[in-house]
Amino acid sequence: MKLTHLDPYDGRRAAAYPDMGDQLDAIWKVLELLPVLPPDTAAMLQQIQQVKADYPKPPPSAGVSLSGDAA
């Protein structure tokens, strides 16, 4: 009897997906374009937009360079 070892795909597949936050961000950006959302979805979108407004992403040039010096 010959046994065949199957390499599980789930770990490789999970590692290949984009970051969960990036996936969710893409979904919310699409939902922003829809004219009508269910009330609970609209409330969640509003909450996410408020967090982004309260804590905006800094511009790319405001970071630290790879050498550790301020950009």
Protein backbone atom coordinates (compact mmCIF):
# COMPACT_ATOMS: atom_id res chain seq x y z
CA MET A 1 0.00 0.00 0.00
CA LYS A 2 1.39 3.37 -1.00
CA LEU A 3 0.73 6.39 1.23
CA THR A 4 0.72 9.81 -0.31
CA HIS A 5 1.41 12.82 1.88
CA LEU A 6 -0.72 15.77 0.84
CA ASP A 7 0.75 19.15 1.64
CA PRO A 8 -1.98 21.12 3.39
CA TYR A 9 -2.93 24.13 1.32
CA ASP A 10 -4.52 26.18 4.09
CA GLY A 11 -1.32 27.52 5.64
CA ARG A 12 0.15 28.49 2.29
CA ARG A 13 -3.12 30.05 1.19
CA ALA A 14 -3.47 32.08 4.41
CA ALA A 15 0.10 33.37 4.07
CA ALA A 16 -0.53 34.44 0.46
CA TYR A 17 -3.56 36.62 1.23
CA PRO A 18 -3.10 40.35 1.79
CA ASP A 19 -3.13 41.62 5.38
CA MET A 20 -6.61 41.37 6.96
CA GLY A 21 -6.67 45.12 7.59
CA ASP A 22 -5.92 45.80 3.92
CA GLN A 23 -8.72 43.45 2.88
CA LEU A 24 -11.23 45.14 5.18
CA ASP A 25 -10.11 48.61 4.08
CA ALA A 26 -10.76 47.67 0.45
CA ILE A 27 -14.24 46.39 1.30
CA TRP A 28 -15.15 49.55 3.25
CA LYS A 29 -13.91 51.75 0.39
CA VAL A 30 -16.32 49.98 -1.97
CA LEU A 31 -19.19 50.25 0.52
CA GLU A 32 -18.62 54.02 0.70
CA LEU A 33 -19.65 54.19 -2.96
CA LEU A 34 -23.02 52.50 -2.51
CA PRO A 35 -26.03 54.81 -2.29
CA VAL A 36 -27.89 52.80 0.40
CA LEU A 37 -26.55 50.49 3.11
CA PRO A 38 -28.36 48.50 5.79
CA PRO A 39 -28.54 50.59 9.00
CA ASP A 40 -26.01 48.51 10.95
CA THR A 41 -23.55 48.58 8.04
CA ALA A 42 -23.99 52.34 7.61
CA ALA A 43 -23.37 52.83 11.34
CA MET A 44 -20.19 50.74 11.19
CA LEU A 45 -18.97 52.65 8.13
CA GLN A 46 -19.60 55.95 9.93
CA GLN A 47 -17.63 54.70 12.95
CA ILE A 48 -14.72 53.63 10.75
CA GLN A 49 -14.73 56.97 8.93
CA GLN A 50 -14.69 58.80 12.28
CA VAL A 51 -11.69 56.80 13.49
CA LYS A 52 -9.86 57.60 10.25
CA ALA A 53 -10.71 61.29 10.68
CA ASP A 54 -9.57 61.29 14.32
CA TYR A 55 -6.32 59.46 13.56
CA PRO A 56 -5.33 60.29 9.96
CA LYS A 57 -2.57 58.37 8.24
CA PRO A 58 0.58 60.51 8.07
CA PRO A 59 1.84 61.42 4.61
CA PRO A 60 4.50 59.05 3.23
CA SER A 61 7.25 61.65 3.66
CA ALA A 62 6.53 62.04 7.40
CA GLY A 63 7.97 58.65 8.30
CA VAL A 64 11.43 57.52 9.30
CA SER A 65 13.96 56.55 6.67
CA LEU A 66 15.49 53.10 6.63
CA SER A 67 18.70 54.51 8.07
CA GLY A 68 16.77 55.55 11.20
CA ASP A 69 17.04 59.28 10.49
CA ALA A 70 13.89 61.36 10.47
CA ALA A 71 12.63 61.91 6.95
